[in-house]
Amino acid sequence: MNIVLLGAPGAGKGTQAQKLVDLGLAHISTGDLLRGAVKEGTELGVKAKEYMDAGQLVPDSLVIGLVKERLAKPDVEAGFMLDGFPRNTAQAETLDEMLAELGKPIDAALLVDVKPEVIIERLSGRRTCRACNYTGTKADEVCPRCGGEMYQRDDDKPETIQKRLNTYAEQTEPLIAYYEGKGLLKSVDGDRPVDEVFADVKVALGI
């Protein structure tokens, strides 16, 4: 089964993705692909680094190239999930063309749906350890792992979270309608305990 993961920042996509990995699906994070290609100094990585160093977005053609390389690896034969790409409908159309050529079309677009106000409350309550990067909550006065100082990252401040949600609404939310129009959208309520959400994910995907 080949899946596109959808959901706002902080909706819990990463947690559900890890559970799907445990079932044998390859997790393809475009952020990880870019960082890996840059680190390894591949041809695509060198090109991507030029854009990143200039503070520019990496072109869709380069990202698609990285995804295509990744899909050639044997671990995707049992299925894969794309995380972080596509980010808009133009990218989705390009992706569909490439996957059709490879004979690996998308079977479902999984939306982990959480209301914006819940996400703001959830993320703004996170605290991170300065010493070991443990992620906890505001109830953790000191790090339960190493006893280090817990602090709130700038990314987890309400005003920053709102900006990220606004960007998501403008650029990425239209993908929901795109995949719904293709009859591929599967939506689950992400505002519940992780295992309850995953039980619904399995039902939605028929796995």
N, C-alpha and C. Protein backbone atom coordinates (compact mmCIF):
# COMPACT_ATOMS: atom_id res chain seq x y z
N MET A 1 0.84 -1.20 0.00
CA MET A 1 0.00 0.00 0.00
C MET A 1 0.88 1.24 0.00
N ASN A 2 0.53 2.20 -0.86
CA ASN A 2 1.29 3.43 -0.99
C ASN A 2 0.44 4.61 -0.51
N ILE A 3 0.98 5.37 0.46
CA ILE A 3 0.18 6.37 1.17
C ILE A 3 0.86 7.74 1.14
N VAL A 4 0.04 8.79 1.05
CA VAL A 4 0.49 10.15 1.32
C VAL A 4 -0.05 10.52 2.70
N LEU A 5 0.81 11.02 3.59
CA LEU A 5 0.38 11.45 4.92
C LEU A 5 0.04 12.93 4.90
N LEU A 6 -1.14 13.27 5.40
CA LEU A 6 -1.58 14.66 5.46
C LEU A 6 -1.93 15.03 6.90
N GLY A 7 -1.77 16.30 7.22
CA GLY A 7 -2.11 16.77 8.56
C GLY A 7 -1.27 17.98 8.92
N ALA A 8 -1.83 18.84 9.75
CA ALA A 8 -1.13 20.06 10.14
C ALA A 8 0.07 19.75 11.03
N PRO A 9 1.01 20.69 11.15
CA PRO A 9 2.13 20.51 12.09
C PRO A 9 1.60 20.24 13.49
N GLY A 10 2.10 19.18 14.12
CA GLY A 10 1.65 18.86 15.47
C GLY A 10 0.42 17.99 15.55
N ALA A 11 -0.07 17.52 14.38
CA ALA A 11 -1.28 16.68 14.39
C ALA A 11 -0.99 15.25 14.83
N GLY A 12 0.29 14.87 14.82
CA GLY A 12 0.65 13.51 15.25
C GLY A 12 0.96 12.58 14.10
N LYS A 13 1.24 13.15 12.92
CA LYS A 13 1.56 12.32 11.75
C LYS A 13 2.79 11.44 12.00
N GLY A 14 3.82 12.04 12.61
CA GLY A 14 5.07 11.30 12.83
C GLY A 14 4.87 10.07 13.70
N THR A 15 4.05 10.22 14.73
CA THR A 15 3.77 9.10 15.64
C THR A 15 3.06 7.97 14.90
N GLN A 16 2.07 8.32 14.09
CA GLN A 16 1.33 7.30 13.34
C GLN A 16 2.21 6.69 12.26
N ALA A 17 3.10 7.51 11.67
CA ALA A 17 4.02 7.00 10.65
C ALA A 17 4.91 5.91 11.23
N GLN A 18 5.41 6.13 12.45
CA GLN A 18 6.28 5.14 13.07
C GLN A 18 5.55 3.82 13.28
N LYS A 19 4.28 3.88 13.63
CA LYS A 19 3.51 2.66 13.82
C LYS A 19 3.30 1.93 12.48
N LEU A 20 3.16 2.70 11.40
CA LEU A 20 3.01 2.09 10.08
C LEU A 20 4.33 1.47 9.61
N VAL A 21 5.45 2.08 10.00
CA VAL A 21 6.76 1.50 9.70
C VAL A 21 6.87 0.12 10.34
N ASP A 22 6.36 0.02 11.56
CA ASP A 22 6.40 -1.25 12.28
C ASP A 22 5.60 -2.35 11.56
N LEU A 23 4.65 -1.91 10.70
CA LEU A 23 3.86 -2.87 9.92
C LEU A 23 4.50 -3.17 8.56
N GLY A 24 5.66 -2.54 8.30
CA GLY A 24 6.39 -2.88 7.08
C GLY A 24 6.39 -1.84 5.98
N LEU A 25 5.74 -0.69 6.21
CA LEU A 25 5.75 0.36 5.18
C LEU A 25 7.02 1.20 5.31
N ALA A 26 7.62 1.57 4.19
CA ALA A 26 8.81 2.42 4.19
C ALA A 26 8.37 3.87 4.40
N HIS A 27 9.02 4.57 5.33
CA HIS A 27 8.69 5.97 5.64
C HIS A 27 9.61 6.88 4.84
N ILE A 28 9.05 7.62 3.89
CA ILE A 28 9.84 8.50 3.04
C ILE A 28 9.56 9.94 3.43
N SER A 29 10.46 10.50 4.24
CA SER A 29 10.36 11.90 4.66
C SER A 29 11.23 12.73 3.75
N THR A 30 10.63 13.68 3.04
CA THR A 30 11.42 14.47 2.09
C THR A 30 12.46 15.33 2.82
N GLY A 31 12.16 15.75 4.04
CA GLY A 31 13.14 16.49 4.83
C GLY A 31 14.37 15.65 5.09
N ASP A 32 14.15 14.38 5.48
CA ASP A 32 15.27 13.46 5.73
C ASP A 32 16.04 13.18 4.44
N LEU A 33 15.31 13.03 3.32
CA LEU A 33 15.96 12.77 2.04
C LEU A 33 16.89 13.93 1.66
N LEU A 34 16.41 15.16 1.82
CA LEU A 34 17.22 16.34 1.49
C LEU A 34 18.46 16.41 2.36
N ARG A 35 18.27 16.24 3.68
CA ARG A 35 19.41 16.31 4.60
C ARG A 35 20.42 15.21 4.28
N GLY A 36 19.92 14.01 3.99
CA GLY A 36 20.81 12.89 3.68
C GLY A 36 21.59 13.10 2.40
N ALA A 37 20.92 13.63 1.36
CA ALA A 37 21.58 13.86 0.07
C ALA A 37 22.65 14.93 0.19
N VAL A 38 22.35 15.97 0.99
CA VAL A 38 23.33 17.04 1.20
C VAL A 38 24.54 16.50 1.96
N LYS A 39 24.27 15.72 3.01
CA LYS A 39 25.35 15.16 3.82
C LYS A 39 26.25 14.23 3.01
N GLU A 40 25.62 13.42 2.13
CA GLU A 40 26.38 12.45 1.34
C GLU A 40 27.05 13.11 0.13
N GLY A 41 26.62 14.34 -0.20
CA GLY A 41 27.22 15.03 -1.34
C GLY A 41 26.86 14.44 -2.68
N THR A 42 25.64 13.84 -2.79
CA THR A 42 25.21 13.30 -4.08
C THR A 42 24.98 14.44 -5.07
N GLU A 43 24.82 14.09 -6.34
CA GLU A 43 24.62 15.11 -7.37
C GLU A 43 23.39 15.97 -7.04
N LEU A 44 22.28 15.31 -6.69
CA LEU A 44 21.07 16.06 -6.33
C LEU A 44 21.27 16.83 -5.02
N GLY A 45 22.03 16.23 -4.10
CA GLY A 45 22.30 16.89 -2.82
C GLY A 45 23.09 18.17 -2.98
N VAL A 46 24.09 18.14 -3.87
CA VAL A 46 24.91 19.34 -4.13
C VAL A 46 24.04 20.46 -4.70
N LYS A 47 23.16 20.09 -5.64
CA LYS A 47 22.27 21.08 -6.24
C LYS A 47 21.30 21.65 -5.19
N ALA A 48 20.75 20.75 -4.36
CA ALA A 48 19.80 21.18 -3.33
C ALA A 48 20.47 22.12 -2.33
N LYS A 49 21.72 21.83 -1.98
CA LYS A 49 22.45 22.65 -1.01
C LYS A 49 22.63 24.08 -1.52
N GLU A 50 22.82 24.23 -2.83
CA GLU A 50 22.98 25.58 -3.40
C GLU A 50 21.73 26.43 -3.11
N TYR A 51 20.57 25.82 -3.29
CA TYR A 51 19.31 26.55 -3.02
C TYR A 51 19.15 26.81 -1.52
N MET A 52 19.45 25.80 -0.71
CA MET A 52 19.28 25.92 0.74
C MET A 52 20.23 26.98 1.31
N ASP A 53 21.48 27.00 0.82
CA ASP A 53 22.44 27.99 1.29
C ASP A 53 22.03 29.41 0.92
N ALA A 54 21.30 29.52 -0.21
CA ALA A 54 20.84 30.83 -0.66
C ALA A 54 19.52 31.23 -0.01
N GLY A 55 19.02 30.36 0.89
CA GLY A 55 17.76 30.65 1.58
C GLY A 55 16.55 30.49 0.69
N GLN A 56 16.70 29.70 -0.40
CA GLN A 56 15.59 29.51 -1.34
C GLN A 56 14.99 28.11 -1.18
N LEU A 57 13.74 27.98 -1.65
CA LEU A 57 13.10 26.67 -1.62
C LEU A 57 13.75 25.76 -2.66
N VAL A 58 13.92 24.50 -2.31
CA VAL A 58 14.46 23.53 -3.26
C VAL A 58 13.39 23.26 -4.32
N PRO A 59 13.72 23.37 -5.61
CA PRO A 59 12.71 23.19 -6.67
C PRO A 59 12.05 21.82 -6.62
N ASP A 60 10.79 21.79 -7.07
CA ASP A 60 10.03 20.54 -7.08
C ASP A 60 10.76 19.45 -7.85
N SER A 61 11.41 19.83 -8.97
CA SER A 61 12.07 18.83 -9.81
C SER A 61 13.16 18.08 -9.04
N LEU A 62 13.88 18.81 -8.17
CA LEU A 62 14.93 18.17 -7.38
C LEU A 62 14.33 17.24 -6.33
N VAL A 63 13.27 17.69 -5.67
CA VAL A 63 12.63 16.87 -4.64
C VAL A 63 12.06 15.60 -5.27
N ILE A 64 11.41 15.76 -6.43
CA ILE A 64 10.87 14.60 -7.15
C ILE A 64 11.99 13.63 -7.51
N GLY A 65 13.14 14.18 -7.92
CA GLY A 65 14.30 13.34 -8.25
C GLY A 65 14.75 12.53 -7.05
N LEU A 66 14.78 13.16 -5.87
CA LEU A 66 15.19 12.46 -4.64
C LEU A 66 14.18 11.36 -4.30
N VAL A 67 12.89 11.68 -4.44
CA VAL A 67 11.84 10.68 -4.15
C VAL A 67 11.97 9.50 -5.12
N LYS A 68 12.23 9.82 -6.39
CA LYS A 68 12.36 8.76 -7.41
C LYS A 68 13.53 7.83 -7.07
N GLU A 69 14.66 8.42 -6.66
CA GLU A 69 15.82 7.61 -6.25
C GLU A 69 15.46 6.71 -5.07
N ARG A 70 14.74 7.29 -4.10
CA ARG A 70 14.37 6.54 -2.89
C ARG A 70 13.43 5.37 -3.23
N LEU A 71 12.53 5.62 -4.21
CA LEU A 71 11.55 4.59 -4.56
C LEU A 71 12.19 3.42 -5.32
N ALA A 72 13.44 3.60 -5.75
CA ALA A 72 14.14 2.52 -6.46
C ALA A 72 14.73 1.51 -5.48
N LYS A 73 14.72 1.83 -4.18
CA LYS A 73 15.32 0.94 -3.18
C LYS A 73 14.35 -0.21 -2.84
N PRO A 74 14.89 -1.38 -2.52
CA PRO A 74 14.05 -2.58 -2.36
C PRO A 74 13.05 -2.53 -1.21
N ASP A 75 13.29 -1.71 -0.18
CA ASP A 75 12.40 -1.75 0.98
C ASP A 75 11.02 -1.13 0.70
N VAL A 76 10.83 -0.51 -0.47
CA VAL A 76 9.52 0.08 -0.76
C VAL A 76 8.58 -0.90 -1.45
N GLU A 77 9.07 -2.11 -1.75
CA GLU A 77 8.24 -3.06 -2.49
C GLU A 77 6.97 -3.41 -1.72
N ALA A 78 7.04 -3.43 -0.39
CA ALA A 78 5.86 -3.76 0.42
C ALA A 78 4.94 -2.57 0.60
N GLY A 79 5.36 -1.40 0.12
CA GLY A 79 4.56 -0.19 0.26
C GLY A 79 5.35 0.93 0.92
N PHE A 80 4.87 2.16 0.76
CA PHE A 80 5.57 3.31 1.32
C PHE A 80 4.58 4.38 1.73
N MET A 81 5.06 5.31 2.57
CA MET A 81 4.25 6.50 2.90
C MET A 81 5.12 7.73 2.70
N LEU A 82 4.58 8.72 2.04
CA LEU A 82 5.27 9.97 1.78
C LEU A 82 4.89 10.99 2.85
N ASP A 83 5.89 11.57 3.48
CA ASP A 83 5.69 12.51 4.58
C ASP A 83 6.42 13.82 4.26
N GLY A 84 5.66 14.92 4.10
CA GLY A 84 6.28 16.20 3.80
C GLY A 84 6.26 16.55 2.32
N PHE A 85 5.74 15.67 1.52
CA PHE A 85 5.61 15.91 0.08
C PHE A 85 4.50 15.02 -0.43
N PRO A 86 3.61 15.54 -1.27
CA PRO A 86 3.56 16.90 -1.81
C PRO A 86 3.06 17.91 -0.78
N ARG A 87 3.42 19.19 -1.03
CA ARG A 87 2.99 20.28 -0.16
C ARG A 87 1.91 21.15 -0.81
N ASN A 88 1.67 20.95 -2.09
CA ASN A 88 0.61 21.69 -2.77
C ASN A 88 0.11 20.85 -3.94
N THR A 89 -0.97 21.32 -4.59
CA THR A 89 -1.59 20.50 -5.64
C THR A 89 -0.69 20.37 -6.87
N ALA A 90 0.10 21.40 -7.18
CA ALA A 90 1.01 21.31 -8.32
C ALA A 90 2.01 20.17 -8.10
N GLN A 91 2.55 20.09 -6.88
CA GLN A 91 3.48 19.00 -6.56
C GLN A 91 2.77 17.65 -6.61
N ALA A 92 1.52 17.62 -6.18
CA ALA A 92 0.76 16.36 -6.18
C ALA A 92 0.57 15.85 -7.61
N GLU A 93 0.29 16.77 -8.53
CA GLU A 93 0.10 16.38 -9.93
C GLU A 93 1.40 15.83 -10.52
N THR A 94 2.52 16.51 -10.23
CA THR A 94 3.83 16.04 -10.71
C THR A 94 4.16 14.68 -10.12
N LEU A 95 3.87 14.52 -8.82
CA LEU A 95 4.11 13.24 -8.15
C LEU A 95 3.29 12.13 -8.79
N ASP A 96 2.02 12.41 -9.07
CA ASP A 96 1.15 11.39 -9.68
C ASP A 96 1.72 10.91 -11.02
N GLU A 97 2.23 11.85 -11.82
CA GLU A 97 2.80 11.49 -13.12
C GLU A 97 4.01 10.58 -12.94
N MET A 98 4.88 10.96 -11.99
CA MET A 98 6.09 10.17 -11.76
C MET A 98 5.74 8.77 -11.24
N LEU A 99 4.79 8.68 -10.30
CA LEU A 99 4.42 7.38 -9.73
C LEU A 99 3.73 6.50 -10.78
N ALA A 100 2.98 7.13 -11.69
CA ALA A 100 2.33 6.36 -12.77
C ALA A 100 3.39 5.73 -13.67
N GLU A 101 4.46 6.48 -13.95
CA GLU A 101 5.56 5.94 -14.77
C GLU A 101 6.23 4.75 -14.08
N LEU A 102 6.33 4.83 -12.75
CA LEU A 102 6.98 3.76 -11.99
C LEU A 102 6.05 2.60 -11.68
N GLY A 103 4.75 2.78 -11.96
CA GLY A 103 3.78 1.74 -11.62
C GLY A 103 3.55 1.61 -10.13
N LYS A 104 3.72 2.74 -9.40
CA LYS A 104 3.52 2.74 -7.94
C LYS A 104 2.54 3.85 -7.54
N PRO A 105 1.29 3.78 -8.01
CA PRO A 105 0.34 4.87 -7.71
C PRO A 105 -0.03 4.95 -6.23
N ILE A 106 -0.50 6.12 -5.81
CA ILE A 106 -0.97 6.31 -4.44
C ILE A 106 -2.29 5.57 -4.24
N ASP A 107 -2.37 4.79 -3.15
CA ASP A 107 -3.59 4.05 -2.84
C ASP A 107 -4.51 4.82 -1.90
N ALA A 108 -3.91 5.68 -1.06
CA ALA A 108 -4.72 6.43 -0.09
C ALA A 108 -3.95 7.66 0.38
N ALA A 109 -4.71 8.71 0.70
CA ALA A 109 -4.15 9.90 1.35
C ALA A 109 -4.74 9.92 2.76
N LEU A 110 -3.88 9.71 3.75
CA LEU A 110 -4.34 9.60 5.14
C LEU A 110 -4.23 10.95 5.84
N LEU A 111 -5.36 11.50 6.23
CA LEU A 111 -5.40 12.78 6.94
C LEU A 111 -5.57 12.54 8.44
N VAL A 112 -4.57 12.98 9.22
CA VAL A 112 -4.71 12.97 10.69
C VAL A 112 -5.26 14.36 11.04
N ASP A 113 -6.54 14.39 11.35
CA ASP A 113 -7.28 15.65 11.47
C ASP A 113 -7.36 16.11 12.93
N VAL A 114 -6.82 17.28 13.21
CA VAL A 114 -6.87 17.85 14.56
C VAL A 114 -7.17 19.34 14.43
N LYS A 115 -8.09 19.84 15.27
CA LYS A 115 -8.47 21.26 15.19
C LYS A 115 -7.27 22.16 15.54
N PRO A 116 -7.15 23.32 14.87
CA PRO A 116 -6.02 24.22 15.11
C PRO A 116 -5.84 24.60 16.58
N GLU A 117 -6.95 24.86 17.29
CA GLU A 117 -6.81 25.28 18.69
C GLU A 117 -6.24 24.17 19.57
N VAL A 118 -6.55 22.92 19.20
CA VAL A 118 -6.00 21.77 19.94
C VAL A 118 -4.50 21.65 19.68
N ILE A 119 -4.10 21.88 18.42
CA ILE A 119 -2.68 21.81 18.07
C ILE A 119 -1.89 22.88 18.82
N ILE A 120 -2.43 24.11 18.87
CA ILE A 120 -1.75 25.21 19.56
C ILE A 120 -1.57 24.85 21.04
N GLU A 121 -2.62 24.32 21.64
CA GLU A 121 -2.54 23.95 23.07
C GLU A 121 -1.54 22.80 23.26
N ARG A 122 -1.57 21.84 22.36
CA ARG A 122 -0.70 20.66 22.45
C ARG A 122 0.76 21.04 22.31
N LEU A 123 1.09 21.81 21.27
CA LEU A 123 2.49 22.15 21.00
C LEU A 123 3.04 23.18 21.97
N SER A 124 2.20 24.15 22.37
CA SER A 124 2.70 25.19 23.27
C SER A 124 2.94 24.63 24.67
N GLY A 125 2.41 23.42 24.92
CA GLY A 125 2.64 22.77 26.22
C GLY A 125 3.91 21.93 26.24
N ARG A 126 4.58 21.84 25.09
CA ARG A 126 5.81 21.02 25.04
C ARG A 126 6.98 21.76 25.68
N ARG A 127 7.85 20.99 26.32
CA ARG A 127 9.10 21.52 26.85
C ARG A 127 10.23 20.58 26.45
N THR A 128 11.40 21.14 26.20
CA THR A 128 12.55 20.37 25.71
C THR A 128 13.72 20.53 26.66
N CYS A 129 14.45 19.45 26.88
CA CYS A 129 15.62 19.49 27.77
C CYS A 129 16.81 20.11 27.03
N ARG A 130 17.45 21.08 27.65
CA ARG A 130 18.62 21.72 27.04
C ARG A 130 19.81 20.75 26.93
N ALA A 131 19.85 19.79 27.84
CA ALA A 131 21.01 18.89 27.89
C ALA A 131 20.87 17.70 26.94
N CYS A 132 19.72 17.02 26.95
CA CYS A 132 19.60 15.77 26.17
C CYS A 132 18.51 15.78 25.11
N ASN A 133 17.80 16.95 24.97
CA ASN A 133 16.74 17.11 23.96
C ASN A 133 15.50 16.27 24.21
N TYR A 134 15.36 15.73 25.41
CA TYR A 134 14.13 15.01 25.76
C TYR A 134 12.93 15.94 25.58
N THR A 135 11.84 15.44 25.01
CA THR A 135 10.63 16.24 24.84
C THR A 135 9.61 15.83 25.90
N GLY A 136 9.23 16.80 26.72
CA GLY A 136 8.23 16.54 27.76
C GLY A 136 7.13 17.58 27.72
N THR A 137 6.52 17.84 28.88
CA THR A 137 5.43 18.83 28.95
C THR A 137 5.79 19.88 30.00
N LYS A 138 4.93 20.92 30.09
CA LYS A 138 5.21 21.98 31.06
C LYS A 138 5.12 21.48 32.50
N ALA A 139 4.58 20.28 32.68
CA ALA A 139 4.54 19.69 34.03
C ALA A 139 5.93 19.21 34.46
N ASP A 140 6.83 19.04 33.48
CA ASP A 140 8.20 18.58 33.80
C ASP A 140 9.07 19.78 34.16
N GLU A 141 9.26 20.01 35.47
CA GLU A 141 10.08 21.15 35.90
C GLU A 141 11.56 20.90 35.60
N VAL A 142 11.98 19.64 35.73
CA VAL A 142 13.34 19.25 35.32
C VAL A 142 13.19 18.01 34.43
N CYS A 143 14.20 17.74 33.61
CA CYS A 143 14.15 16.61 32.69
C CYS A 143 14.06 15.29 33.45
N PRO A 144 13.03 14.47 33.20
CA PRO A 144 12.91 13.19 33.90
C PRO A 144 13.99 12.19 33.47
N ARG A 145 14.66 12.47 32.34
CA ARG A 145 15.70 11.55 31.86
C ARG A 145 17.06 11.86 32.48
N CYS A 146 17.44 13.18 32.46
CA CYS A 146 18.81 13.49 32.91
C CYS A 146 18.87 14.57 33.99
N GLY A 147 17.69 15.14 34.36
CA GLY A 147 17.68 16.16 35.39
C GLY A 147 18.05 17.55 34.89
N GLY A 148 18.16 17.67 33.54
CA GLY A 148 18.54 18.96 32.94
C GLY A 148 17.40 19.98 32.96
N GLU A 149 17.75 21.21 32.52
CA GLU A 149 16.77 22.30 32.49
C GLU A 149 15.81 22.11 31.31
N MET A 150 14.51 22.25 31.58
CA MET A 150 13.49 22.17 30.53
C MET A 150 13.14 23.59 30.08
N TYR A 151 13.00 23.79 28.77
CA TYR A 151 12.65 25.12 28.24
C TYR A 151 11.69 24.99 27.08
N GLN A 152 11.07 26.11 26.71
CA GLN A 152 10.13 26.13 25.57
C GLN A 152 10.86 26.63 24.32
N ARG A 153 10.92 25.78 23.29
CA ARG A 153 11.57 26.19 22.04
C ARG A 153 10.74 27.28 21.36
N ASP A 154 11.41 28.11 20.58
CA ASP A 154 10.70 29.17 19.84
C ASP A 154 9.62 28.57 18.95
N ASP A 155 9.91 27.39 18.36
CA ASP A 155 8.94 26.71 17.49
C ASP A 155 7.66 26.34 18.21
N ASP A 156 7.74 26.23 19.53
CA ASP A 156 6.59 25.78 20.32
C ASP A 156 5.84 26.94 20.99
N LYS A 157 6.19 28.17 20.64
CA LYS A 157 5.47 29.31 21.18
C LYS A 157 4.20 29.55 20.35
N PRO A 158 3.08 29.91 21.01
CA PRO A 158 1.79 30.01 20.31
C PRO A 158 1.83 30.84 19.03
N GLU A 159 2.53 32.00 19.06
CA GLU A 159 2.54 32.85 17.87
C GLU A 159 3.26 32.19 16.69
N THR A 160 4.32 31.41 16.98
CA THR A 160 5.05 30.71 15.93
C THR A 160 4.21 29.56 15.38
N ILE A 161 3.53 28.86 16.27
CA ILE A 161 2.66 27.75 15.86
C ILE A 161 1.56 28.27 14.94
N GLN A 162 0.97 29.42 15.29
CA GLN A 162 -0.10 30.00 14.48
C GLN A 162 0.40 30.32 13.07
N LYS A 163 1.62 30.85 12.96
CA LYS A 163 2.19 31.15 11.64
C LYS A 163 2.34 29.87 10.82
N ARG A 164 2.83 28.81 11.46
CA ARG A 164 2.99 27.52 10.75
C ARG A 164 1.64 26.97 10.29
N LEU A 165 0.62 27.13 11.13
CA LEU A 165 -0.72 26.67 10.77
C LEU A 165 -1.30 27.49 9.63
N ASN A 166 -1.01 28.79 9.62
CA ASN A 166 -1.49 29.66 8.53
C ASN A 166 -0.87 29.23 7.20
N THR A 167 0.44 28.94 7.23
CA THR A 167 1.13 28.48 6.02
C THR A 167 0.54 27.16 5.54
N TYR A 168 0.29 26.27 6.49
CA TYR A 168 -0.31 24.97 6.14
C TYR A 168 -1.68 25.18 5.48
N ALA A 169 -2.50 26.06 6.07
CA ALA A 169 -3.85 26.29 5.55
C ALA A 169 -3.81 26.84 4.12
N GLU A 170 -2.86 27.74 3.87
CA GLU A 170 -2.77 28.36 2.55
C GLU A 170 -2.23 27.40 1.49
N GLN A 171 -1.17 26.67 1.85
CA GLN A 171 -0.44 25.90 0.84
C GLN A 171 -0.84 24.42 0.77
N THR A 172 -1.04 23.81 1.94
CA THR A 172 -1.16 22.35 1.97
C THR A 172 -2.60 21.86 2.11
N GLU A 173 -3.46 22.62 2.77
CA GLU A 173 -4.84 22.18 2.97
C GLU A 173 -5.58 21.87 1.66
N PRO A 174 -5.29 22.61 0.56
CA PRO A 174 -5.97 22.27 -0.71
C PRO A 174 -5.73 20.83 -1.17
N LEU A 175 -4.67 20.19 -0.65
CA LEU A 175 -4.42 18.78 -0.99
C LEU A 175 -5.55 17.88 -0.51
N ILE A 176 -6.20 18.28 0.57
CA ILE A 176 -7.32 17.48 1.09
C ILE A 176 -8.39 17.36 0.02
N ALA A 177 -8.75 18.50 -0.59
CA ALA A 177 -9.76 18.50 -1.65
C ALA A 177 -9.26 17.74 -2.89
N TYR A 178 -7.96 17.87 -3.18
CA TYR A 178 -7.37 17.21 -4.35
C TYR A 178 -7.53 15.69 -4.24
N TYR A 179 -7.13 15.14 -3.09
CA TYR A 179 -7.20 13.69 -2.93
C TYR A 179 -8.64 13.21 -2.70
N GLU A 180 -9.46 14.07 -2.10
CA GLU A 180 -10.88 13.72 -1.94
C GLU A 180 -11.53 13.58 -3.31
N GLY A 181 -11.16 14.49 -4.22
CA GLY A 181 -11.69 14.44 -5.59
C GLY A 181 -11.30 13.18 -6.34
N LYS A 182 -10.18 12.59 -5.95
CA LYS A 182 -9.71 11.35 -6.58
C LYS A 182 -10.26 10.11 -5.86
N GLY A 183 -11.02 10.35 -4.79
CA GLY A 183 -11.58 9.22 -4.03
C GLY A 183 -10.56 8.50 -3.18
N LEU A 184 -9.46 9.19 -2.85
CA LEU A 184 -8.37 8.54 -2.10
C LEU A 184 -8.27 8.99 -0.64
N LEU A 185 -9.04 10.01 -0.25
CA LEU A 185 -8.88 10.57 1.09
C LEU A 185 -9.46 9.66 2.16
N LYS A 186 -8.65 9.41 3.21
CA LYS A 186 -9.09 8.68 4.40
C LYS A 186 -8.77 9.57 5.60
N SER A 187 -9.76 9.91 6.39
CA SER A 187 -9.56 10.85 7.50
C SER A 187 -9.80 10.17 8.84
N VAL A 188 -8.91 10.47 9.81
CA VAL A 188 -9.10 9.97 11.18
C VAL A 188 -9.00 11.15 12.14
N ASP A 189 -9.72 11.06 13.25
CA ASP A 189 -9.68 12.09 14.29
C ASP A 189 -8.42 11.89 15.12
N GLY A 190 -7.49 12.86 15.03
CA GLY A 190 -6.21 12.73 15.72
C GLY A 190 -6.19 13.25 17.14
N ASP A 191 -7.33 13.77 17.62
CA ASP A 191 -7.39 14.35 18.96
C ASP A 191 -7.82 13.31 19.99
N ARG A 192 -7.08 12.20 20.04
CA ARG A 192 -7.37 11.10 20.96
C ARG A 192 -6.07 10.39 21.32
N PRO A 193 -6.10 9.46 22.25
CA PRO A 193 -4.88 8.72 22.56
C PRO A 193 -4.31 8.04 21.32
N VAL A 194 -2.98 7.94 21.27
CA VAL A 194 -2.27 7.44 20.09
C VAL A 194 -2.80 6.10 19.60
N ASP A 195 -3.01 5.15 20.52
CA ASP A 195 -3.42 3.80 20.10
C ASP A 195 -4.84 3.80 19.54
N GLU A 196 -5.71 4.67 20.05
CA GLU A 196 -7.07 4.78 19.50
C GLU A 196 -7.03 5.32 18.08
N VAL A 197 -6.17 6.33 17.87
CA VAL A 197 -6.02 6.90 16.53
C VAL A 197 -5.50 5.82 15.57
N PHE A 198 -4.50 5.05 16.02
CA PHE A 198 -3.91 4.04 15.15
C PHE A 198 -4.91 2.93 14.81
N ALA A 199 -5.77 2.60 15.76
CA ALA A 199 -6.80 1.60 15.47
C ALA A 199 -7.69 2.07 14.33
N ASP A 200 -8.03 3.36 14.33
CA ASP A 200 -8.84 3.92 13.24
C ASP A 200 -8.05 4.00 11.93
N VAL A 201 -6.74 4.29 12.04
CA VAL A 201 -5.88 4.32 10.84
C VAL A 201 -5.93 2.96 10.15
N LYS A 202 -5.79 1.89 10.93
CA LYS A 202 -5.77 0.55 10.34
C LYS A 202 -7.11 0.23 9.67
N VAL A 203 -8.20 0.64 10.30
CA VAL A 203 -9.52 0.41 9.70
C VAL A 203 -9.65 1.22 8.41
N ALA A 204 -9.24 2.50 8.47
CA ALA A 204 -9.36 3.38 7.29
C ALA A 204 -8.55 2.84 6.11
N LEU A 205 -7.39 2.28 6.39
CA LEU A 205 -6.51 1.79 5.33
C LEU A 205 -6.76 0.33 4.98
N GLY A 206 -7.60 -0.33 5.79
CA GLY A 206 -7.90 -1.73 5.53
C GLY A 206 -6.72 -2.66 5.76
N ILE A 207 -5.94 -2.36 6.81
CA ILE A 207 -4.76 -3.19 7.10
C ILE A 207 -4.84 -3.78 8.52
